[in-house]
Structure formats: structure tokens, C-alpha cells
Amino acid sequence: MNGPPRVPAANRRLSPRAALRRQATVVIADQSFTAETCDVSREGIGFIAPRPISPGRRCDITFVLPISGEERPFTATVKVSHSTYLARERFQIGASFIAPAADAAAAIDAFLGTP
């Protein structure tokens, strides 16, 4: 065996994430489709899409955040980091928020219960 033993990769997330199962709309260029959110953090979002999205691709995602008993619309531009096949018409997408507006970042913090 050459070199040091393999060590599992560390969790690359910089902040806590929370489960969030909501319908979402994803817009890429002039096309839109329905997706389902899985989880959200201050840095990004995971969602299930009916088709793959290439890493590096930018898109807009809109969904509703439940905050203090209210349903607040949330829209952000994201950059896809990975797209994993799960089953027919089900792809796990991981994406990072691109320069979220202050109010969007505050909404995520309120949802996560972070200051």
C-alpha cells in the first residue's frame, strides 16, 4: 500500500442545516419546473428535481419558508454544486446561494433560529 491511509472527507457544510419539505419552482433560463426542497442552510439548499442540473449551472428557486407561524415567500439565485440520480425523474440537487439579499439571509436565519 502506497501513501497514507484514506481518511473520509469531512463535512463541508459551514453552517447548520434544517429539513424543509416544500414545493418549489426552479427557473433555468426560460424554462421552469416544480421541485421539492429537502433542506436549507445559510449557505444553500438541497432539493429533488425531475431532471439533472449540471454543476456550475445557475438557476432561481422559489419556495415558502415557515417563520413564526407565517408562510414567507423566498426566492434566491443558486449555483448547483452537485446533481445525483436517485430514481426515474428524481435527482438530488445541492446548490449554494449566490450573494443572497440581506432580507433573504435574515429569512433563512429566522427559519433556522440563528441570530
PDB file of N, CA and C in Angstrom:
ATOM      1  N   MET A   1       0.844  -1.180   0.000  1.00  0.00           N
ATOM      2  CA  MET A   1       0.000   0.000   0.000  1.00  0.00           C
ATOM      3  C   MET A   1       0.885   1.237   0.000  1.00  0.00           C
ATOM      4  N   ASN A   2       0.653   2.147  -0.926  1.00  0.00           N
ATOM      5  CA  ASN A   2       1.450   3.362  -1.017  1.00  0.00           C
ATOM      6  C   ASN A   2       0.722   4.538  -0.396  1.00  0.00           C
ATOM      7  N   GLY A   3       1.463   5.411   0.264  1.00  0.00           N
ATOM      8  CA  GLY A   3       0.891   6.629   0.813  1.00  0.00           C
ATOM      9  C   GLY A   3       0.110   6.382   2.097  1.00  0.00           C
ATOM     10  N   PRO A   4      -0.393   7.472   2.678  1.00  0.00           N
ATOM     11  CA  PRO A   4      -1.132   7.361   3.933  1.00  0.00           C
ATOM     12  C   PRO A   4      -2.508   6.735   3.703  1.00  0.00           C
ATOM     13  N   PRO A   5      -3.095   6.167   4.752  1.00  0.00           N
ATOM     14  CA  PRO A   5      -4.431   5.588   4.608  1.00  0.00           C
ATOM     15  C   PRO A   5      -5.452   6.666   4.260  1.00  0.00           C
ATOM     16  N   ARG A   6      -6.485   6.259   3.533  1.00  0.00           N
ATOM     17  CA  ARG A   6      -7.546   7.207   3.154  1.00  0.00           C
ATOM     18  C   ARG A   6      -8.351   7.580   4.384  1.00  0.00           C
ATOM     19  N   VAL A   7      -8.648   8.856   4.478  1.00  0.00           N
ATOM     20  CA  VAL A   7      -9.466   9.375   5.568  1.00  0.00           C
ATOM     21  C   VAL A   7     -10.755   9.896   4.945  1.00  0.00           C
ATOM     22  N   PRO A   8     -11.929   9.550   5.523  1.00  0.00           N
ATOM     23  CA  PRO A   8     -13.181  10.050   4.959  1.00  0.00           C
ATOM     24  C   PRO A   8     -13.182  11.571   4.914  1.00  0.00           C
ATOM     25  N   ALA A   9     -13.800  12.109   3.875  1.00  0.00           N
ATOM     26  CA  ALA A   9     -13.893  13.566   3.725  1.00  0.00           C
ATOM     27  C   ALA A   9     -14.719  14.149   4.855  1.00  0.00           C
ATOM     28  N   ALA A  10     -14.321  15.311   5.318  1.00  0.00           N
ATOM     29  CA  ALA A  10     -15.059  15.997   6.372  1.00  0.00           C
ATOM     30  C   ALA A  10     -16.326  16.614   5.802  1.00  0.00           C
ATOM     31  N   ASN A  11     -17.283  16.853   6.659  1.00  0.00           N
ATOM     32  CA  ASN A  11     -18.499  17.534   6.253  1.00  0.00           C
ATOM     33  C   ASN A  11     -18.116  18.949   5.825  1.00  0.00           C
ATOM     34  N   ARG A  12     -18.434  19.315   4.596  1.00  0.00           N
ATOM     35  CA  ARG A  12     -18.012  20.599   4.062  1.00  0.00           C
ATOM     36  C   ARG A  12     -18.978  21.727   4.386  1.00  0.00           C
ATOM     37  N   ARG A  13     -20.071  21.441   5.051  1.00  0.00           N
ATOM     38  CA  ARG A  13     -21.047  22.481   5.363  1.00  0.00           C
ATOM     39  C   ARG A  13     -20.477  23.425   6.404  1.00  0.00           C
ATOM     40  N   LEU A  14     -20.706  24.715   6.184  1.00  0.00           N
ATOM     41  CA  LEU A  14     -20.175  25.727   7.081  1.00  0.00           C
ATOM     42  C   LEU A  14     -21.158  26.113   8.177  1.00  0.00           C
ATOM     43  N   SER A  15     -22.432  25.802   7.988  1.00  0.00           N
ATOM     44  CA  SER A  15     -23.433  26.181   8.978  1.00  0.00           C
ATOM     45  C   SER A  15     -24.488  25.089   9.082  1.00  0.00           C
ATOM     46  N   PRO A  16     -25.268  25.128  10.158  1.00  0.00           N
ATOM     47  CA  PRO A  16     -26.297  24.103  10.344  1.00  0.00           C
ATOM     48  C   PRO A  16     -27.332  24.135   9.219  1.00  0.00           C
ATOM     49  N   ARG A  17     -27.924  22.978   8.972  1.00  0.00           N
ATOM     50  CA  ARG A  17     -28.999  22.908   8.006  1.00  0.00           C
ATOM     51  C   ARG A  17     -30.221  22.323   8.693  1.00  0.00           C
ATOM     52  N   ALA A  18     -31.379  22.607   8.132  1.00  0.00           N
ATOM     53  CA  ALA A  18     -32.629  22.106   8.701  1.00  0.00           C
ATOM     54  C   ALA A  18     -33.466  21.497   7.591  1.00  0.00           C
ATOM     55  N   ALA A  19     -34.182  20.437   7.938  1.00  0.00           N
ATOM     56  CA  ALA A  19     -35.080  19.814   6.966  1.00  0.00           C
ATOM     57  C   ALA A  19     -36.175  20.806   6.583  1.00  0.00           C
ATOM     58  N   LEU A  20     -36.530  20.782   5.335  1.00  0.00           N
ATOM     59  CA  LEU A  20     -37.602  21.647   4.832  1.00  0.00           C
ATOM     60  C   LEU A  20     -38.209  20.955   3.629  1.00  0.00           C
ATOM     61  N   ARG A  21     -39.410  20.439   3.783  1.00  0.00           N
ATOM     62  CA  ARG A  21     -40.106  19.739   2.699  1.00  0.00           C
ATOM     63  C   ARG A  21     -41.205  20.641   2.170  1.00  0.00           C
ATOM     64  N   ARG A  22     -40.906  21.312   1.084  1.00  0.00           N
ATOM     65  CA  ARG A  22     -41.839  22.249   0.465  1.00  0.00           C
ATOM     66  C   ARG A  22     -41.757  22.140  -1.049  1.00  0.00           C
ATOM     67  N   GLN A  23     -42.861  22.429  -1.696  1.00  0.00           N
ATOM     68  CA  GLN A  23     -42.837  22.516  -3.155  1.00  0.00           C
ATOM     69  C   GLN A  23     -42.077  23.779  -3.531  1.00  0.00           C
ATOM     70  N   ALA A  24     -41.321  23.701  -4.610  1.00  0.00           N
ATOM     71  CA  ALA A  24     -40.536  24.836  -5.080  1.00  0.00           C
ATOM     72  C   ALA A  24     -40.659  24.938  -6.595  1.00  0.00           C
ATOM     73  N   THR A  25     -40.357  26.110  -7.096  1.00  0.00           N
ATOM     74  CA  THR A  25     -40.287  26.319  -8.536  1.00  0.00           C
ATOM     75  C   THR A  25     -38.854  26.683  -8.877  1.00  0.00           C
ATOM     76  N   VAL A  26     -38.287  25.979  -9.840  1.00  0.00           N
ATOM     77  CA  VAL A  26     -36.922  26.232 -10.284  1.00  0.00           C
ATOM     78  C   VAL A  26     -37.008  26.818 -11.690  1.00  0.00           C
ATOM     79  N   VAL A  27     -36.275  27.906 -11.920  1.00  0.00           N
ATOM     80  CA  VAL A  27     -36.243  28.552 -13.230  1.00  0.00           C
ATOM     81  C   VAL A  27     -34.803  28.556 -13.728  1.00  0.00           C
ATOM     82  N   ILE A  28     -34.624  27.981 -14.928  1.00  0.00           N
ATOM     83  CA  ILE A  28     -33.328  27.983 -15.594  1.00  0.00           C
ATOM     84  C   ILE A  28     -33.563  28.605 -16.964  1.00  0.00           C
ATOM     85  N   ALA A  29     -32.931  29.732 -17.194  1.00  0.00           N
ATOM     86  CA  ALA A  29     -33.131  30.483 -18.453  1.00  0.00           C
ATOM     87  C   ALA A  29     -34.621  30.745 -18.617  1.00  0.00           C
ATOM     88  N   ASP A  30     -35.237  30.226 -19.676  1.00  0.00           N
ATOM     89  CA  ASP A  30     -36.665  30.487 -19.902  1.00  0.00           C
ATOM     90  C   ASP A  30     -37.532  29.270 -19.581  1.00  0.00           C
ATOM     91  N   GLN A  31     -36.977  28.287 -18.885  1.00  0.00           N
ATOM     92  CA  GLN A  31     -37.726  27.084 -18.517  1.00  0.00           C
ATOM     93  C   GLN A  31     -37.931  27.031 -17.009  1.00  0.00           C
ATOM     94  N   SER A  32     -39.092  26.523 -16.590  1.00  0.00           N
ATOM     95  CA  SER A  32     -39.333  26.336 -15.164  1.00  0.00           C
ATOM     96  C   SER A  32     -39.924  24.950 -14.937  1.00  0.00           C
ATOM     97  N   PHE A  33     -39.709  24.435 -13.733  1.00  0.00           N
ATOM     98  CA  PHE A  33     -40.272  23.144 -13.358  1.00  0.00           C
ATOM     99  C   PHE A  33     -40.443  23.110 -11.844  1.00  0.00           C
ATOM    100  N   THR A  34     -41.270  22.173 -11.397  1.00  0.00           N
ATOM    101  CA  THR A  34     -41.544  22.008  -9.985  1.00  0.00           C
ATOM    102  C   THR A  34     -40.513  21.067  -9.368  1.00  0.00           C
ATOM    103  N   ALA A  35     -40.083  21.404  -8.156  1.00  0.00           N
ATOM    104  CA  ALA A  35     -39.135  20.595  -7.408  1.00  0.00           C
ATOM    105  C   ALA A  35     -39.648  20.498  -5.970  1.00  0.00           C
ATOM    106  N   GLU A  36     -38.922  19.743  -5.140  1.00  0.00           N
ATOM    107  CA  GLU A  36     -39.266  19.635  -3.725  1.00  0.00           C
ATOM    108  C   GLU A  36     -38.018  19.904  -2.902  1.00  0.00           C
ATOM    109  N   THR A  37     -38.109  20.868  -1.984  1.00  0.00           N
ATOM    110  CA  THR A  37     -36.957  21.156  -1.141  1.00  0.00           C
ATOM    111  C   THR A  37     -36.730  20.007  -0.163  1.00  0.00           C
ATOM    112  N   CYS A  38     -35.489  19.829   0.252  1.00  0.00           N
ATOM    113  CA  CYS A  38     -35.123  18.796   1.233  1.00  0.00           C
ATOM    114  C   CYS A  38     -34.598  19.429   2.515  1.00  0.00           C
ATOM    115  N   ASP A  39     -33.635  20.337   2.346  1.00  0.00           N
ATOM    116  CA  ASP A  39     -33.044  21.006   3.492  1.00  0.00           C
ATOM    117  C   ASP A  39     -32.468  22.343   3.058  1.00  0.00           C
ATOM    118  N   VAL A  40     -32.252  23.197   4.062  1.00  0.00           N
ATOM    119  CA  VAL A  40     -31.738  24.542   3.783  1.00  0.00           C
ATOM    120  C   VAL A  40     -30.766  24.935   4.887  1.00  0.00           C
ATOM    121  N   SER A  41     -29.766  25.717   4.495  1.00  0.00           N
ATOM    122  CA  SER A  41     -28.810  26.289   5.449  1.00  0.00           C
ATOM    123  C   SER A  41     -28.566  27.728   5.014  1.00  0.00           C
ATOM    124  N   ARG A  42     -27.752  28.425   5.755  1.00  0.00           N
ATOM    125  CA  ARG A  42     -27.440  29.818   5.390  1.00  0.00           C
ATOM    126  C   ARG A  42     -26.691  29.863   4.055  1.00  0.00           C
ATOM    127  N   GLU A  43     -25.947  28.810   3.732  1.00  0.00           N
ATOM    128  CA  GLU A  43     -25.149  28.790   2.510  1.00  0.00           C
ATOM    129  C   GLU A  43     -25.873  28.242   1.292  1.00  0.00           C
ATOM    130  N   GLY A  44     -26.890  27.388   1.492  1.00  0.00           N
ATOM    131  CA  GLY A  44     -27.501  26.787   0.312  1.00  0.00           C
ATOM    132  C   GLY A  44     -28.707  25.927   0.611  1.00  0.00           C
ATOM    133  N   ILE A  45     -29.077  25.139  -0.400  1.00  0.00           N
ATOM    134  CA  ILE A  45     -30.292  24.348  -0.336  1.00  0.00           C
ATOM    135  C   ILE A  45     -30.105  23.017  -1.054  1.00  0.00           C
ATOM    136  N   GLY A  46     -30.804  22.009  -0.569  1.00  0.00           N
ATOM    137  CA  GLY A  46     -30.880  20.725  -1.250  1.00  0.00           C
ATOM    138  C   GLY A  46     -32.308  20.539  -1.726  1.00  0.00           C
ATOM    139  N   PHE A  47     -32.473  20.026  -2.931  1.00  0.00           N
ATOM    140  CA  PHE A  47     -33.818  19.793  -3.435  1.00  0.00           C
ATOM    141  C   PHE A  47     -33.837  18.626  -4.412  1.00  0.00           C
ATOM    142  N   ILE A  48     -35.034  18.099  -4.637  1.00  0.00           N
ATOM    143  CA  ILE A  48     -35.242  16.997  -5.571  1.00  0.00           C
ATOM    144  C   ILE A  48     -35.870  17.581  -6.833  1.00  0.00           C
ATOM    145  N   ALA A  49     -35.249  17.304  -7.972  1.00  0.00           N
ATOM    146  CA  ALA A  49     -35.720  17.825  -9.257  1.00  0.00           C
ATOM    147  C   ALA A  49     -36.067  16.657 -10.183  1.00  0.00           C
ATOM    148  N   PRO A  50     -36.942  16.897 -11.162  1.00  0.00           N
ATOM    149  CA  PRO A  50     -37.311  15.831 -12.087  1.00  0.00           C
ATOM    150  C   PRO A  50     -36.269  15.569 -13.171  1.00  0.00           C
ATOM    151  N   ARG A  51     -35.239  16.410 -13.223  1.00  0.00           N
ATOM    152  CA  ARG A  51     -34.175  16.231 -14.213  1.00  0.00           C
ATOM    153  C   ARG A  51     -32.861  16.712 -13.615  1.00  0.00           C
ATOM    154  N   PRO A  52     -31.754  16.256 -14.160  1.00  0.00           N
ATOM    155  CA  PRO A  52     -30.463  16.694 -13.625  1.00  0.00           C
ATOM    156  C   PRO A  52     -30.207  18.162 -13.978  1.00  0.00           C
ATOM    157  N   ILE A  53     -29.380  18.780 -13.167  1.00  0.00           N
ATOM    158  CA  ILE A  53     -28.917  20.141 -13.439  1.00  0.00           C
ATOM    159  C   ILE A  53     -27.399  20.082 -13.337  1.00  0.00           C
ATOM    160  N   SER A  54     -26.725  20.534 -14.344  1.00  0.00           N
ATOM    161  CA  SER A  54     -25.261  20.447 -14.394  1.00  0.00           C
ATOM    162  C   SER A  54     -24.610  21.275 -13.294  1.00  0.00           C
ATOM    163  N   PRO A  55     -23.592  20.722 -12.641  1.00  0.00           N
ATOM    164  CA  PRO A  55     -22.831  21.510 -11.673  1.00  0.00           C
ATOM    165  C   PRO A  55     -22.293  22.781 -12.329  1.00  0.00           C
ATOM    166  N   GLY A  56     -22.358  23.873 -11.575  1.00  0.00           N
ATOM    167  CA  GLY A  56     -21.922  25.163 -12.089  1.00  0.00           C
ATOM    168  C   GLY A  56     -23.065  25.971 -12.678  1.00  0.00           C
ATOM    169  N   ARG A  57     -24.173  25.313 -12.983  1.00  0.00           N
ATOM    170  CA  ARG A  57     -25.326  25.993 -13.580  1.00  0.00           C
ATOM    171  C   ARG A  57     -25.996  26.885 -12.541  1.00  0.00           C
ATOM    172  N   ARG A  58     -26.406  28.060 -12.952  1.00  0.00           N
ATOM    173  CA  ARG A  58     -27.130  28.976 -12.076  1.00  0.00           C
ATOM    174  C   ARG A  58     -28.614  28.903 -12.390  1.00  0.00           C
ATOM    175  N   CYS A  59     -29.422  28.988 -11.349  1.00  0.00           N
ATOM    176  CA  CYS A  59     -30.868  28.988 -11.533  1.00  0.00           C
ATOM    177  C   CYS A  59     -31.505  29.745 -10.371  1.00  0.00           C
ATOM    178  N   ASP A  60     -32.772  30.042 -10.512  1.00  0.00           N
ATOM    179  CA  ASP A  60     -33.533  30.683  -9.447  1.00  0.00           C
ATOM    180  C   ASP A  60     -34.459  29.644  -8.840  1.00  0.00           C
ATOM    181  N   ILE A  61     -34.611  29.692  -7.532  1.00  0.00           N
ATOM    182  CA  ILE A  61     -35.526  28.788  -6.843  1.00  0.00           C
ATOM    183  C   ILE A  61     -36.439  29.618  -5.949  1.00  0.00           C
ATOM    184  N   THR A  62     -37.724  29.294  -5.987  1.00  0.00           N
ATOM    185  CA  THR A  62     -38.727  29.987  -5.181  1.00  0.00           C
ATOM    186  C   THR A  62     -39.490  28.949  -4.372  1.00  0.00           C
ATOM    187  N   PHE A  63     -39.653  29.226  -3.094  1.00  0.00           N
ATOM    188  CA  PHE A  63     -40.415  28.351  -2.205  1.00  0.00           C
ATOM    189  C   PHE A  63     -40.921  29.187  -1.038  1.00  0.00           C
ATOM    190  N   VAL A  64     -41.618  28.551  -0.107  1.00  0.00           N
ATOM    191  CA  VAL A  64     -42.168  29.246   1.047  1.00  0.00           C
ATOM    192  C   VAL A  64     -41.452  28.775   2.299  1.00  0.00           C
ATOM    193  N   LEU A  65     -41.016  29.735   3.116  1.00  0.00           N
ATOM    194  CA  LEU A  65     -40.379  29.430   4.398  1.00  0.00           C
ATOM    195  C   LEU A  65     -41.396  29.626   5.515  1.00  0.00           C
ATOM    196  N   PRO A  66     -41.572  28.635   6.382  1.00  0.00           N
ATOM    197  CA  PRO A  66     -42.449  28.825   7.544  1.00  0.00           C
ATOM    198  C   PRO A  66     -41.661  29.506   8.668  1.00  0.00           C
ATOM    199  N   ILE A  67     -42.024  30.746   8.975  1.00  0.00           N
ATOM    200  CA  ILE A  67     -41.309  31.507  10.004  1.00  0.00           C
ATOM    201  C   ILE A  67     -42.320  32.069  10.996  1.00  0.00           C
ATOM    202  N   SER A  68     -42.183  31.676  12.242  1.00  0.00           N
ATOM    203  CA  SER A  68     -43.056  32.167  13.318  1.00  0.00           C
ATOM    204  C   SER A  68     -44.531  32.066  12.956  1.00  0.00           C
ATOM    205  N   GLY A  69     -44.926  30.938  12.415  1.00  0.00           N
ATOM    206  CA  GLY A  69     -46.332  30.715  12.083  1.00  0.00           C
ATOM    207  C   GLY A  69     -46.791  31.361  10.793  1.00  0.00           C
ATOM    208  N   GLU A  70     -45.905  32.043  10.113  1.00  0.00           N
ATOM    209  CA  GLU A  70     -46.243  32.692   8.839  1.00  0.00           C
ATOM    210  C   GLU A  70     -45.571  31.963   7.690  1.00  0.00           C
ATOM    211  N   GLU A  71     -46.180  32.033   6.524  1.00  0.00           N
ATOM    212  CA  GLU A  71     -45.611  31.476   5.296  1.00  0.00           C
ATOM    213  C   GLU A  71     -44.993  32.640   4.515  1.00  0.00           C
ATOM    214  N   ARG A  72     -43.682  32.663   4.410  1.00  0.00           N
ATOM    215  CA  ARG A  72     -42.995  33.769   3.730  1.00  0.00           C
ATOM    216  C   ARG A  72     -42.385  33.293   2.413  1.00  0.00           C
ATOM    217  N   PRO A  73     -42.785  33.932   1.296  1.00  0.00           N
ATOM    218  CA  PRO A  73     -42.178  33.573   0.006  1.00  0.00           C
ATOM    219  C   PRO A  73     -40.677  33.875   0.035  1.00  0.00           C
ATOM    220  N   PHE A  74     -39.919  33.017  -0.615  1.00  0.00           N
ATOM    221  CA  PHE A  74     -38.456  33.146  -0.645  1.00  0.00           C
ATOM    222  C   PHE A  74     -37.983  32.818  -2.045  1.00  0.00           C
ATOM    223  N   THR A  75     -37.197  33.700  -2.628  1.00  0.00           N
ATOM    224  CA  THR A  75     -36.602  33.468  -3.945  1.00  0.00           C
ATOM    225  C   THR A  75     -35.117  33.766  -3.856  1.00  0.00           C
ATOM    226  N   ALA A  76     -34.318  32.896  -4.458  1.00  0.00           N
ATOM    227  CA  ALA A  76     -32.875  33.104  -4.454  1.00  0.00           C
ATOM    228  C   ALA A  76     -32.268  32.557  -5.738  1.00  0.00           C
ATOM    229  N   THR A  77     -31.146  33.127  -6.113  1.00  0.00           N
ATOM    230  CA  THR A  77     -30.343  32.589  -7.210  1.00  0.00           C
ATOM    231  C   THR A  77     -29.321  31.655  -6.578  1.00  0.00           C
ATOM    232  N   VAL A  78     -29.177  30.472  -7.175  1.00  0.00           N
ATOM    233  CA  VAL A  78     -28.257  29.473  -6.650  1.00  0.00           C
ATOM    234  C   VAL A  78     -27.324  28.976  -7.750  1.00  0.00           C
ATOM    235  N   LYS A  79     -26.211  28.408  -7.311  1.00  0.00           N
ATOM    236  CA  LYS A  79     -25.266  27.762  -8.212  1.00  0.00           C
ATOM    237  C   LYS A  79     -25.203  26.293  -7.812  1.00  0.00           C
ATOM    238  N   VAL A  80     -25.498  25.412  -8.741  1.00  0.00           N
ATOM    239  CA  VAL A  80     -25.548  23.979  -8.468  1.00  0.00           C
ATOM    240  C   VAL A  80     -24.147  23.438  -8.216  1.00  0.00           C
ATOM    241  N   SER A  81     -24.005  22.666  -7.128  1.00  0.00           N
ATOM    242  CA  SER A  81     -22.715  22.050  -6.821  1.00  0.00           C
ATOM    243  C   SER A  81     -22.704  20.572  -7.190  1.00  0.00           C
ATOM    244  N   HIS A  82     -23.855  19.902  -7.074  1.00  0.00           N
ATOM    245  CA  HIS A  82     -23.917  18.502  -7.476  1.00  0.00           C
ATOM    246  C   HIS A  82     -25.343  18.108  -7.860  1.00  0.00           C
ATOM    247  N   SER A  83     -25.411  17.057  -8.671  1.00  0.00           N
ATOM    248  CA  SER A  83     -26.682  16.509  -9.140  1.00  0.00           C
ATOM    249  C   SER A  83     -26.524  14.992  -9.141  1.00  0.00           C
ATOM    250  N   THR A  84     -27.314  14.308  -8.314  1.00  0.00           N
ATOM    251  CA  THR A  84     -27.173  12.870  -8.143  1.00  0.00           C
ATOM    252  C   THR A  84     -28.466  12.157  -8.522  1.00  0.00           C
ATOM    253  N   TYR A  85     -28.353  11.149  -9.374  1.00  0.00           N
ATOM    254  CA  TYR A  85     -29.515  10.360  -9.778  1.00  0.00           C
ATOM    255  C   TYR A  85     -30.016   9.533  -8.598  1.00  0.00           C
ATOM    256  N   LEU A  86     -31.319   9.621  -8.306  1.00  0.00           N
ATOM    257  CA  LEU A  86     -31.930   8.822  -7.251  1.00  0.00           C
ATOM    258  C   LEU A  86     -32.840   7.750  -7.826  1.00  0.00           C
ATOM    259  N   ALA A  87     -33.685   8.144  -8.758  1.00  0.00           N
ATOM    260  CA  ALA A  87     -34.649   7.254  -9.401  1.00  0.00           C
ATOM    261  C   ALA A  87     -35.182   7.991 -10.627  1.00  0.00           C
ATOM    262  N   ARG A  88     -36.015   7.311 -11.380  1.00  0.00           N
ATOM    263  CA  ARG A  88     -36.570   7.940 -12.580  1.00  0.00           C
ATOM    264  C   ARG A  88     -37.223   9.272 -12.222  1.00  0.00           C
ATOM    265  N   GLU A  89     -36.785  10.331 -12.893  1.00  0.00           N
ATOM    266  CA  GLU A  89     -37.275  11.701 -12.703  1.00  0.00           C
ATOM    267  C   GLU A  89     -37.103  12.209 -11.268  1.00  0.00           C
ATOM    268  N   ARG A  90     -36.050  11.723 -10.577  1.00  0.00           N
ATOM    269  CA  ARG A  90     -35.723  12.200  -9.224  1.00  0.00           C
ATOM    270  C   ARG A  90     -34.205  12.343  -9.110  1.00  0.00           C
ATOM    271  N   PHE A  91     -33.776  13.582  -9.042  1.00  0.00           N
ATOM    272  CA  PHE A  91     -32.360  13.900  -8.920  1.00  0.00           C
ATOM    273  C   PHE A  91     -32.163  14.771  -7.686  1.00  0.00           C
ATOM    274  N   GLN A  92     -31.204  14.390  -6.837  1.00  0.00           N
ATOM    275  CA  GLN A  92     -30.864  15.178  -5.655  1.00  0.00           C
ATOM    276  C   GLN A  92     -29.921  16.288  -6.108  1.00  0.00           C
ATOM    277  N   ILE A  93     -30.321  17.517  -5.893  1.00  0.00           N
ATOM    278  CA  ILE A  93     -29.535  18.677  -6.299  1.00  0.00           C
ATOM    279  C   ILE A  93     -29.047  19.401  -5.042  1.00  0.00           C
ATOM    280  N   GLY A  94     -27.774  19.734  -5.012  1.00  0.00           N
ATOM    281  CA  GLY A  94     -27.205  20.572  -3.958  1.00  0.00           C
ATOM    282  C   GLY A  94     -26.770  21.867  -4.593  1.00  0.00           C
ATOM    283  N   ALA A  95     -27.133  22.990  -3.975  1.00  0.00           N
ATOM    284  CA  ALA A  95     -26.815  24.283  -4.567  1.00  0.00           C
ATOM    285  C   ALA A  95     -26.485  25.309  -3.495  1.00  0.00           C
ATOM    286  N   SER A  96     -25.625  26.248  -3.850  1.00  0.00           N
ATOM    287  CA  SER A  96     -25.223  27.335  -2.953  1.00  0.00           C
ATOM    288  C   SER A  96     -25.931  28.613  -3.342  1.00  0.00           C
ATOM    289  N   PHE A  97     -26.354  29.372  -2.334  1.00  0.00           N
ATOM    290  CA  PHE A  97     -26.944  30.678  -2.608  1.00  0.00           C
ATOM    291  C   PHE A  97     -25.858  31.599  -3.147  1.00  0.00           C
ATOM    292  N   ILE A  98     -26.215  32.399  -4.144  1.00  0.00           N
ATOM    293  CA  ILE A  98     -25.287  33.368  -4.715  1.00  0.00           C
ATOM    294  C   ILE A  98     -25.662  34.741  -4.189  1.00  0.00           C
ATOM    295  N   ALA A  99     -24.791  35.318  -3.377  1.00  0.00           N
ATOM    296  CA  ALA A  99     -24.971  36.660  -2.835  1.00  0.00           C
ATOM    297  C   ALA A  99     -26.420  36.949  -2.477  1.00  0.00           C
ATOM    298  N   PRO A 100     -26.962  36.229  -1.485  1.00  0.00           N
ATOM    299  CA  PRO A 100     -28.361  36.476  -1.126  1.00  0.00           C
ATOM    300  C   PRO A 100     -28.558  37.890  -0.590  1.00  0.00           C
ATOM    301  N   ALA A 101     -29.701  38.473  -0.891  1.00  0.00           N
ATOM    302  CA  ALA A 101     -30.039  39.796  -0.375  1.00  0.00           C
ATOM    303  C   ALA A 101     -30.118  39.718   1.145  1.00  0.00           C
ATOM    304  N   ALA A 102     -29.944  40.849   1.809  1.00  0.00           N
ATOM    305  CA  ALA A 102     -29.960  40.877   3.273  1.00  0.00           C
ATOM    306  C   ALA A 102     -31.267  40.329   3.826  1.00  0.00           C
ATOM    307  N   ASP A 103     -32.393  40.653   3.189  1.00  0.00           N
ATOM    308  CA  ASP A 103     -33.675  40.159   3.696  1.00  0.00           C
ATOM    309  C   ASP A 103     -33.802  38.651   3.508  1.00  0.00           C
ATOM    310  N   ALA A 104     -33.222  38.100   2.445  1.00  0.00           N
ATOM    311  CA  ALA A 104     -33.256  36.654   2.220  1.00  0.00           C
ATOM    312  C   ALA A 104     -32.403  35.944   3.269  1.00  0.00           C
ATOM    313  N   ALA A 105     -31.221  36.472   3.544  1.00  0.00           N
ATOM    314  CA  ALA A 105     -30.351  35.885   4.567  1.00  0.00           C
ATOM    315  C   ALA A 105     -31.024  35.959   5.934  1.00  0.00           C
ATOM    316  N   ALA A 106     -31.697  37.063   6.223  1.00  0.00           N
ATOM    317  CA  ALA A 106     -32.405  37.212   7.501  1.00  0.00           C
ATOM    318  C   ALA A 106     -33.552  36.211   7.607  1.00  0.00           C
ATOM    319  N   ALA A 107     -34.242  35.955   6.495  1.00  0.00           N
ATOM    320  CA  ALA A 107     -35.341  34.972   6.500  1.00  0.00           C
ATOM    321  C   ALA A 107     -34.810  33.578   6.792  1.00  0.00           C
ATOM    322  N   ILE A 108     -33.688  33.208   6.178  1.00  0.00           N
ATOM    323  CA  ILE A 108     -33.087  31.898   6.439  1.00  0.00           C
ATOM    324  C   ILE A 108     -32.669  31.806   7.914  1.00  0.00           C
ATOM    325  N   ASP A 109     -32.038  32.859   8.421  1.00  0.00           N
ATOM    326  CA  ASP A 109     -31.634  32.859   9.841  1.00  0.00           C
ATOM    327  C   ASP A 109     -32.843  32.704  10.745  1.00  0.00           C
ATOM    328  N   ALA A 110     -33.933  33.392  10.447  1.00  0.00           N
ATOM    329  CA  ALA A 110     -35.149  33.289  11.252  1.00  0.00           C
ATOM    330  C   ALA A 110     -35.707  31.867  11.205  1.00  0.00           C
ATOM    331  N   PHE A 111     -35.702  31.262  10.019  1.00  0.00           N
ATOM    332  CA  PHE A 111     -36.178  29.884   9.883  1.00  0.00           C
ATOM    333  C   PHE A 111     -35.309  28.927  10.694  1.00  0.00           C
ATOM    334  N   LEU A 112     -33.991  29.110  10.622  1.00  0.00           N
ATOM    335  CA  LEU A 112     -33.050  28.227  11.314  1.00  0.00           C
ATOM    336  C   LEU A 112     -32.982  28.525  12.820  1.00  0.00           C
ATOM    337  N   GLY A 113     -33.490  29.696  13.218  1.00  0.00           N
ATOM    338  CA  GLY A 113     -33.423  30.078  14.629  1.00  0.00           C
ATOM    339  C   GLY A 113     -32.042  30.511  15.040  1.00  0.00           C
ATOM    340  N   THR A 114     -31.286  31.077  14.071  1.00  0.00           N
ATOM    341  CA  THR A 114     -29.944  31.568  14.377  1.00  0.00           C
ATOM    342  C   THR A 114     -29.951  33.088  14.388  1.00  0.00           C
ATOM    343  N   PRO A 115     -29.082  33.686  15.199  1.00  0.00           N
ATOM    344  CA  PRO A 115     -29.040  35.159  15.268  1.00  0.00           C
ATOM    345  C   PRO A 115     -28.428  35.789  14.036  1.00  0.00           C
TER     346      PRO A 115
END
